Amino acid sequence: MLARAELMPLTVPDDVLPTLVEGLVETGAVRPGQLLVHTSGRYGAKVLDPALRAGALPLALHPAMTFTGTAVDVQRLAGCSFGVTAPEELRLAAEALVIEMGGEPEWIAEEARPLYHAALALGANHLVTLVAQSMELLTKAGVAAPDRMLGPLLGAALDNALRSGDAALTGPVARGDAGTVAAHIGELRAHAPQAVAGYVAMARATADRALAHGLLKAELAEDLLVVLADQERRPGGPGPGETR
């Protein structure tokens, strides 16, 4: 059945893809002229080289979207950007296929695929962890509907960040409020020690970016950076239950 298909989509985890491609070729499931499309973000078209040697037409079409396994996923494809990588002679065909699905093709060079995928994971996958931790903390603080409280705030923060980049930074780190940041860390150590390492790392990254873009004055940053450095140098590393 696979060998008779005009287009064979490969939608498997990244680490499985190279072995799968080799297996399909070895078992004769790939034939000349067949479109072989994978949806991995990490890999470009080179991972399909065994199939290319067998005469298949390799395309890497990665939807920059998170999926739930429900009907809403199809709706989310409309207007979704796809990271497209293919041999140059197949570029137009790859981009046309994305447009036919209602997506927006974005050409990604083969060598840039790992960085492209890391950027998406940093922005989207880690966001889920941050939001989940924030909701847990709000629940501990007595907030009955943390999702309702966070929704408008996160929506505005995301919109501002996409529109203005670093200029959208707000909050105690951007203001250089060292005492507030120290108090936050103390509360996290008491109520969610597993969140301390992430908070300190993100606060340091935020402070560095705010300084670099002139949003945080050096004289205000001094005490803040001391607080963060003290946490980073804390004997034994993160406290009990914290990640190292």
C-alpha atoms as a PDB file:
ATOM      1  CA  MET A   1       0.000   0.000   0.000  1.00  0.00           C
ATOM      2  CA  LEU A   2       2.797   2.418   0.930  1.00  0.00           C
ATOM      3  CA  ALA A   3       4.636   1.701  -2.306  1.00  0.00           C
ATOM      4  CA  ARG A   4       1.519   2.616  -4.322  1.00  0.00           C
ATOM      5  CA  ALA A   5       0.981   5.951  -2.559  1.00  0.00           C
ATOM      6  CA  GLU A   6       1.785   9.108  -4.532  1.00  0.00           C
ATOM      7  CA  LEU A   7       2.674  10.927  -1.319  1.00  0.00           C
ATOM      8  CA  MET A   8       4.000   9.264   1.813  1.00  0.00           C
ATOM      9  CA  PRO A   9       3.870  11.443   4.975  1.00  0.00           C
ATOM     10  CA  LEU A  10       6.254  10.554   7.798  1.00  0.00           C
ATOM     11  CA  THR A  11       4.965  11.956  11.100  1.00  0.00           C
ATOM     12  CA  VAL A  12       7.124  10.240  13.696  1.00  0.00           C
ATOM     13  CA  PRO A  13       9.315  11.536  16.560  1.00  0.00           C
ATOM     14  CA  ASP A  14      12.574  13.112  15.390  1.00  0.00           C
ATOM     15  CA  ASP A  15      14.833  10.448  16.875  1.00  0.00           C
ATOM     16  CA  VAL A  16      12.969   7.674  15.021  1.00  0.00           C
ATOM     17  CA  LEU A  17      12.991   9.290  11.587  1.00  0.00           C
ATOM     18  CA  PRO A  18      16.441   8.236  10.236  1.00  0.00           C
ATOM     19  CA  THR A  19      15.853   4.565  11.088  1.00  0.00           C
ATOM     20  CA  LEU A  20      12.345   4.664   9.633  1.00  0.00           C
ATOM     21  CA  VAL A  21      13.572   6.089   6.332  1.00  0.00           C
ATOM     22  CA  GLU A  22      16.267   3.427   6.031  1.00  0.00           C
ATOM     23  CA  GLY A  23      13.734   0.703   6.830  1.00  0.00           C
ATOM     24  CA  LEU A  24      11.253   1.938   4.234  1.00  0.00           C
ATOM     25  CA  VAL A  25      13.939   1.919   1.563  1.00  0.00           C
ATOM     26  CA  GLU A  26      15.246  -1.517   2.541  1.00  0.00           C
ATOM     27  CA  THR A  27      11.761  -3.052   2.418  1.00  0.00           C
ATOM     28  CA  GLY A  28      10.969  -1.570  -0.984  1.00  0.00           C
ATOM     29  CA  ALA A  29       8.226   0.714   0.322  1.00  0.00           C
ATOM     30  CA  VAL A  30       9.751   3.695  -1.490  1.00  0.00           C
ATOM     31  CA  ARG A  31       9.548   3.977  -5.263  1.00  0.00           C
ATOM     32  CA  PRO A  32      10.846   6.405  -7.887  1.00  0.00           C
ATOM     33  CA  GLY A  33       8.773   9.560  -8.303  1.00  0.00           C
ATOM     34  CA  GLN A  34       7.039   9.191  -4.952  1.00  0.00           C
ATOM     35  CA  LEU A  35       6.780  12.293  -2.762  1.00  0.00           C
ATOM     36  CA  LEU A  36       8.247  11.518   0.645  1.00  0.00           C
ATOM     37  CA  VAL A  37       7.334  14.214   3.181  1.00  0.00           C
ATOM     38  CA  HIS A  38       8.458  14.357   6.796  1.00  0.00           C
ATOM     39  CA  THR A  39       7.173  16.827   9.392  1.00  0.00           C
ATOM     40  CA  SER A  40      10.180  16.863  11.719  1.00  0.00           C
ATOM     41  CA  GLY A  41      11.394  20.270  12.828  1.00  0.00           C
ATOM     42  CA  ARG A  42      14.912  19.109  13.571  1.00  0.00           C
ATOM     43  CA  TYR A  43      15.737  17.558  10.223  1.00  0.00           C
ATOM     44  CA  GLY A  44      15.870  19.011   6.746  1.00  0.00           C
ATOM     45  CA  ALA A  45      15.748  17.001   3.536  1.00  0.00           C
ATOM     46  CA  LYS A  46      19.137  15.266   4.003  1.00  0.00           C
ATOM     47  CA  VAL A  47      17.627  12.718   6.389  1.00  0.00           C
ATOM     48  CA  LEU A  48      15.654  11.472   3.384  1.00  0.00           C
ATOM     49  CA  ASP A  49      18.799  10.864   1.287  1.00  0.00           C
ATOM     50  CA  PRO A  50      18.330   7.052   1.306  1.00  0.00           C
ATOM     51  CA  ALA A  51      14.897   7.595  -0.257  1.00  0.00           C
ATOM     52  CA  LEU A  52      16.328  10.140  -2.705  1.00  0.00           C
ATOM     53  CA  ARG A  53      18.815   7.526  -3.907  1.00  0.00           C
ATOM     54  CA  ALA A  54      15.853   5.207  -4.442  1.00  0.00           C
ATOM     55  CA  GLY A  55      14.268   7.812  -6.701  1.00  0.00           C
ATOM     56  CA  ALA A  56      11.824   9.413  -4.261  1.00  0.00           C
ATOM     57  CA  LEU A  57      11.242  13.168  -4.037  1.00  0.00           C
ATOM     58  CA  PRO A  58      12.186  14.369  -0.517  1.00  0.00           C
ATOM     59  CA  LEU A  59      10.414  17.254   1.228  1.00  0.00           C
ATOM     60  CA  ALA A  60      10.702  18.528   4.812  1.00  0.00           C
ATOM     61  CA  LEU A  61       7.509  20.373   5.803  1.00  0.00           C
ATOM     62  CA  HIS A  62       7.351  21.241   9.486  1.00  0.00           C
ATOM     63  CA  PRO A  63       4.236  23.019  10.792  1.00  0.00           C
ATOM     64  CA  ALA A  64       5.212  25.585  13.423  1.00  0.00           C
ATOM     65  CA  MET A  65       2.213  24.700  15.536  1.00  0.00           C
ATOM     66  CA  THR A  66       1.370  22.723  18.659  1.00  0.00           C
ATOM     67  CA  PHE A  67      -1.167  19.935  18.208  1.00  0.00           C
ATOM     68  CA  THR A  68      -3.649  18.326  20.588  1.00  0.00           C
ATOM     69  CA  GLY A  69      -4.828  15.272  18.657  1.00  0.00           C
ATOM     70  CA  THR A  70      -8.328  16.757  18.314  1.00  0.00           C
ATOM     71  CA  ALA A  71     -10.368  18.278  15.480  1.00  0.00           C
ATOM     72  CA  VAL A  72      -9.122  21.765  16.361  1.00  0.00           C
ATOM     73  CA  ASP A  73      -5.711  20.835  14.921  1.00  0.00           C
ATOM     74  CA  VAL A  74      -7.021  21.032  11.348  1.00  0.00           C
ATOM     75  CA  GLN A  75      -8.324  24.545  11.953  1.00  0.00           C
ATOM     76  CA  ARG A  76      -4.950  25.620  13.330  1.00  0.00           C
ATOM     77  CA  LEU A  77      -3.221  24.720  10.075  1.00  0.00           C
ATOM     78  CA  ALA A  78      -4.953  27.641   8.368  1.00  0.00           C
ATOM     79  CA  GLY A  79      -2.372  30.415   8.232  1.00  0.00           C
ATOM     80  CA  CYS A  80       0.199  28.319  10.112  1.00  0.00           C
ATOM     81  CA  SER A  81       3.827  28.822   9.078  1.00  0.00           C
ATOM     82  CA  PHE A  82       5.680  25.751   7.791  1.00  0.00           C
ATOM     83  CA  GLY A  83       9.445  25.377   7.870  1.00  0.00           C
ATOM     84  CA  VAL A  84      10.215  24.161   4.334  1.00  0.00           C
ATOM     85  CA  THR A  85      13.446  22.461   3.260  1.00  0.00           C
ATOM     86  CA  ALA A  86      13.923  20.534   0.030  1.00  0.00           C
ATOM     87  CA  PRO A  87      16.308  20.170  -2.890  1.00  0.00           C
ATOM     88  CA  GLU A  88      16.260  23.459  -4.802  1.00  0.00           C
ATOM     89  CA  GLU A  89      14.525  21.887  -7.791  1.00  0.00           C
ATOM     90  CA  LEU A  90      11.647  20.826  -5.518  1.00  0.00           C
ATOM     91  CA  ARG A  91      11.315  24.099  -3.630  1.00  0.00           C
ATOM     92  CA  LEU A  92       8.351  25.402  -5.625  1.00  0.00           C
ATOM     93  CA  ALA A  93       6.542  22.072  -5.290  1.00  0.00           C
ATOM     94  CA  ALA A  94       7.135  22.015  -1.537  1.00  0.00           C
ATOM     95  CA  GLU A  95       5.909  25.571  -1.075  1.00  0.00           C
ATOM     96  CA  ALA A  96       2.861  24.910  -3.270  1.00  0.00           C
ATOM     97  CA  LEU A  97       1.953  21.888  -1.154  1.00  0.00           C
ATOM     98  CA  VAL A  98       2.054  24.016   2.002  1.00  0.00           C
ATOM     99  CA  ILE A  99      -0.122  26.687   0.405  1.00  0.00           C
ATOM    100  CA  GLU A 100      -2.588  24.003  -0.693  1.00  0.00           C
ATOM    101  CA  MET A 101      -2.912  22.980   2.968  1.00  0.00           C
ATOM    102  CA  GLY A 102      -3.682  26.584   3.900  1.00  0.00           C
ATOM    103  CA  GLY A 103      -0.264  27.212   5.425  1.00  0.00           C
ATOM    104  CA  GLU A 104       2.441  29.827   4.905  1.00  0.00           C
ATOM    105  CA  PRO A 105       5.764  28.421   3.603  1.00  0.00           C
ATOM    106  CA  GLU A 106       8.989  29.716   5.168  1.00  0.00           C
ATOM    107  CA  TRP A 107      12.186  28.486   3.525  1.00  0.00           C
ATOM    108  CA  ILE A 108      14.734  27.105   6.019  1.00  0.00           C
ATOM    109  CA  ALA A 109      18.228  26.219   4.814  1.00  0.00           C
ATOM    110  CA  GLU A 110      19.316  22.656   5.519  1.00  0.00           C
ATOM    111  CA  GLU A 111      22.102  23.705   7.890  1.00  0.00           C
ATOM    112  CA  ALA A 112      19.750  26.025   9.806  1.00  0.00           C
ATOM    113  CA  ARG A 113      17.160  23.367  10.689  1.00  0.00           C
ATOM    114  CA  PRO A 114      18.561  22.494  14.158  1.00  0.00           C
ATOM    115  CA  LEU A 115      18.724  26.177  15.175  1.00  0.00           C
ATOM    116  CA  TYR A 116      15.251  26.811  13.727  1.00  0.00           C
ATOM    117  CA  HIS A 117      13.827  23.927  15.739  1.00  0.00           C
ATOM    118  CA  ALA A 118      15.646  24.951  18.925  1.00  0.00           C
ATOM    119  CA  ALA A 119      14.183  28.453  18.607  1.00  0.00           C
ATOM    120  CA  LEU A 120      10.640  27.110  18.336  1.00  0.00           C
ATOM    121  CA  ALA A 121      11.115  24.713  21.243  1.00  0.00           C
ATOM    122  CA  LEU A 122      12.569  27.480  23.417  1.00  0.00           C
ATOM    123  CA  GLY A 123       9.622  29.746  22.737  1.00  0.00           C
ATOM    124  CA  ALA A 124       6.726  27.277  22.726  1.00  0.00           C
ATOM    125  CA  ASN A 125       7.602  24.099  24.628  1.00  0.00           C
ATOM    126  CA  HIS A 126       9.226  25.831  27.595  1.00  0.00           C
ATOM    127  CA  LEU A 127       6.330  28.271  27.737  1.00  0.00           C
ATOM    128  CA  VAL A 128       4.037  25.410  28.749  1.00  0.00           C
ATOM    129  CA  THR A 129       6.265  24.623  31.733  1.00  0.00           C
ATOM    130  CA  LEU A 130       6.392  28.267  32.809  1.00  0.00           C
ATOM    131  CA  VAL A 131       2.617  28.669  32.564  1.00  0.00           C
ATOM    132  CA  ALA A 132       1.936  25.412  34.406  1.00  0.00           C
ATOM    133  CA  GLN A 133       4.284  26.420  37.229  1.00  0.00           C
ATOM    134  CA  SER A 134       2.697  29.859  37.413  1.00  0.00           C
ATOM    135  CA  MET A 135      -0.796  28.369  37.682  1.00  0.00           C
ATOM    136  CA  GLU A 136       0.332  26.006  40.441  1.00  0.00           C
ATOM    137  CA  LEU A 137       1.798  28.912  42.412  1.00  0.00           C
ATOM    138  CA  LEU A 138      -1.348  31.006  41.991  1.00  0.00           C
ATOM    139  CA  THR A 139      -3.410  28.084  43.254  1.00  0.00           C
ATOM    140  CA  LYS A 140      -1.183  27.875  46.338  1.00  0.00           C
ATOM    141  CA  ALA A 141      -1.693  31.624  46.792  1.00  0.00           C
ATOM    142  CA  GLY A 142      -5.452  31.059  46.926  1.00  0.00           C
ATOM    143  CA  VAL A 143      -6.447  32.048  43.393  1.00  0.00           C
ATOM    144  CA  ALA A 144      -9.514  29.996  42.453  1.00  0.00           C
ATOM    145  CA  ALA A 145      -9.185  30.336  38.672  1.00  0.00           C
ATOM    146  CA  PRO A 146      -5.507  30.863  37.801  1.00  0.00           C
ATOM    147  CA  ASP A 147      -6.163  30.295  34.119  1.00  0.00           C
ATOM    148  CA  ARG A 148      -8.667  33.152  34.036  1.00  0.00           C
ATOM    149  CA  MET A 149      -6.221  35.435  35.837  1.00  0.00           C
ATOM    150  CA  LEU A 150      -3.254  34.537  33.657  1.00  0.00           C
ATOM    151  CA  GLY A 151      -5.031  34.466  30.301  1.00  0.00           C
ATOM    152  CA  PRO A 152      -5.306  38.229  29.655  1.00  0.00           C
ATOM    153  CA  LEU A 153      -1.864  38.907  31.158  1.00  0.00           C
ATOM    154  CA  LEU A 154      -0.094  36.268  29.093  1.00  0.00           C
ATOM    155  CA  GLY A 155      -1.981  37.263  25.961  1.00  0.00           C
ATOM    156  CA  ALA A 156      -0.935  40.890  26.358  1.00  0.00           C
ATOM    157  CA  ALA A 157       2.667  39.961  27.200  1.00  0.00           C
ATOM    158  CA  LEU A 158       2.940  37.708  24.154  1.00  0.00           C
ATOM    159  CA  ASP A 159       1.364  40.278  21.859  1.00  0.00           C
ATOM    160  CA  ASN A 160       3.668  43.017  23.158  1.00  0.00           C
ATOM    161  CA  ALA A 161       6.746  40.806  22.835  1.00  0.00           C
ATOM    162  CA  LEU A 162       5.924  39.864  19.241  1.00  0.00           C
ATOM    163  CA  ARG A 163       5.289  43.499  18.354  1.00  0.00           C
ATOM    164  CA  SER A 164       8.095  45.198  20.278  1.00  0.00           C
ATOM    165  CA  GLY A 165      10.678  42.565  21.237  1.00  0.00           C
ATOM    166  CA  ASP A 166      12.823  43.485  24.239  1.00  0.00           C
ATOM    167  CA  ALA A 167      11.146  46.886  24.502  1.00  0.00           C
ATOM    168  CA  ALA A 168       8.100  45.048  25.879  1.00  0.00           C
ATOM    169  CA  LEU A 169       9.954  44.008  29.054  1.00  0.00           C
ATOM    170  CA  THR A 170       8.187  44.970  32.280  1.00  0.00           C
ATOM    171  CA  GLY A 171       8.318  43.802  35.890  1.00  0.00           C
ATOM    172  CA  PRO A 172      10.803  43.892  38.762  1.00  0.00           C
ATOM    173  CA  VAL A 173      13.811  42.625  36.810  1.00  0.00           C
ATOM    174  CA  ALA A 174      13.387  45.257  34.093  1.00  0.00           C
ATOM    175  CA  ARG A 175      13.001  47.910  36.815  1.00  0.00           C
ATOM    176  CA  GLY A 176      16.006  46.709  38.806  1.00  0.00           C
ATOM    177  CA  ASP A 177      13.902  45.937  41.902  1.00  0.00           C
ATOM    178  CA  ALA A 178      16.461  43.714  43.623  1.00  0.00           C
ATOM    179  CA  GLY A 179      14.473  43.466  46.861  1.00  0.00           C
ATOM    180  CA  THR A 180      11.390  42.204  45.061  1.00  0.00           C
ATOM    181  CA  VAL A 181      13.369  39.621  43.118  1.00  0.00           C
ATOM    182  CA  ALA A 182      15.033  38.411  46.330  1.00  0.00           C
ATOM    183  CA  ALA A 183      11.599  38.121  47.951  1.00  0.00           C
ATOM    184  CA  HIS A 184      10.312  36.123  44.982  1.00  0.00           C
ATOM    185  CA  ILE A 185      13.186  33.684  45.269  1.00  0.00           C
ATOM    186  CA  GLY A 186      12.566  33.288  48.998  1.00  0.00           C
ATOM    187  CA  GLU A 187       8.897  32.487  48.395  1.00  0.00           C
ATOM    188  CA  LEU A 188       9.763  29.993  45.688  1.00  0.00           C
ATOM    189  CA  ARG A 189      12.257  28.255  47.964  1.00  0.00           C
ATOM    190  CA  ALA A 190       9.507  27.886  50.551  1.00  0.00           C
ATOM    191  CA  HIS A 191       6.646  26.840  48.276  1.00  0.00           C
ATOM    192  CA  ALA A 192       8.080  25.568  44.981  1.00  0.00           C
ATOM    193  CA  PRO A 193      11.820  24.878  45.256  1.00  0.00           C
ATOM    194  CA  GLN A 194      11.770  23.100  41.908  1.00  0.00           C
ATOM    195  CA  ALA A 195      10.979  26.454  40.254  1.00  0.00           C
ATOM    196  CA  VAL A 196      13.906  28.407  41.734  1.00  0.00           C
ATOM    197  CA  ALA A 197      16.558  27.430  39.198  1.00  0.00           C
ATOM    198  CA  GLY A 198      14.315  28.365  36.284  1.00  0.00           C
ATOM    199  CA  TYR A 199      13.308  31.687  37.871  1.00  0.00           C
ATOM    200  CA  VAL A 200      16.924  32.678  38.547  1.00  0.00           C
ATOM    201  CA  ALA A 201      18.058  31.655  35.053  1.00  0.00           C
ATOM    202  CA  MET A 202      15.265  33.575  33.354  1.00  0.00           C
ATOM    203  CA  ALA A 203      15.751  36.605  35.622  1.00  0.00           C
ATOM    204  CA  ARG A 204      19.448  36.679  34.731  1.00  0.00           C
ATOM    205  CA  ALA A 205      18.697  36.385  31.013  1.00  0.00           C
ATOM    206  CA  THR A 206      16.075  39.135  31.314  1.00  0.00           C
ATOM    207  CA  ALA A 207      18.474  41.420  33.189  1.00  0.00           C
ATOM    208  CA  ASP A 208      21.221  40.864  30.622  1.00  0.00           C
ATOM    209  CA  ARG A 209      18.886  41.695  27.746  1.00  0.00           C
ATOM    210  CA  ALA A 210      17.431  44.723  29.542  1.00  0.00           C
ATOM    211  CA  LEU A 211      20.937  46.055  30.158  1.00  0.00           C
ATOM    212  CA  ALA A 212      22.061  45.410  26.594  1.00  0.00           C
ATOM    213  CA  HIS A 213      19.077  47.303  25.194  1.00  0.00           C
ATOM    214  CA  GLY A 214      19.312  50.234  27.592  1.00  0.00           C
ATOM    215  CA  LEU A 215      16.062  49.374  29.369  1.00  0.00           C
ATOM    216  CA  LEU A 216      17.764  48.786  32.715  1.00  0.00           C
ATOM    217  CA  LYS A 217      20.200  51.381  34.028  1.00  0.00           C
ATOM    218  CA  ALA A 218      23.539  50.049  35.206  1.00  0.00           C
ATOM    219  CA  GLU A 219      23.245  51.660  38.645  1.00  0.00           C
ATOM    220  CA  LEU A 220      19.874  49.969  39.210  1.00  0.00           C
ATOM    221  CA  ALA A 221      21.136  46.657  37.885  1.00  0.00           C
ATOM    222  CA  GLU A 222      24.035  46.363  40.328  1.00  0.00           C
ATOM    223  CA  ASP A 223      22.083  45.153  43.368  1.00  0.00           C
ATOM    224  CA  LEU A 224      19.889  42.945  41.201  1.00  0.00           C
ATOM    225  CA  LEU A 225      22.867  41.204  39.636  1.00  0.00           C
ATOM    226  CA  VAL A 226      24.369  40.670  43.093  1.00  0.00           C
ATOM    227  CA  VAL A 227      21.170  38.935  44.230  1.00  0.00           C
ATOM    228  CA  LEU A 228      21.155  36.687  41.181  1.00  0.00           C
ATOM    229  CA  ALA A 229      24.879  35.947  41.416  1.00  0.00           C
ATOM    230  CA  ASP A 230      24.450  34.964  45.071  1.00  0.00           C
ATOM    231  CA  GLN A 231      21.795  32.462  44.043  1.00  0.00           C
ATOM    232  CA  GLU A 232      23.972  31.070  41.257  1.00  0.00           C
ATOM    233  CA  ARG A 233      26.912  30.672  43.670  1.00  0.00           C
ATOM    234  CA  ARG A 234      24.832  29.211  46.474  1.00  0.00           C
ATOM    235  CA  PRO A 235      26.819  26.354  48.091  1.00  0.00           C
ATOM    236  CA  GLY A 236      25.653  22.981  46.885  1.00  0.00           C
ATOM    237  CA  GLY A 237      23.759  24.496  43.985  1.00  0.00           C
ATOM    238  CA  PRO A 238      19.959  24.473  43.970  1.00  0.00           C
ATOM    239  CA  GLY A 239      18.184  23.630  47.181  1.00  0.00           C
ATOM    240  CA  PRO A 240      16.267  20.414  47.961  1.00  0.00           C
ATOM    241  CA  GLY A 241      13.904  19.529  45.147  1.00  0.00           C
ATOM    242  CA  GLU A 242      15.420  22.090  42.767  1.00  0.00           C
ATOM    243  CA  THR A 243      16.920  21.175  39.444  1.00  0.00           C
ATOM    244  CA  ARG A 244      20.636  21.554  38.937  1.00  0.00           C
END
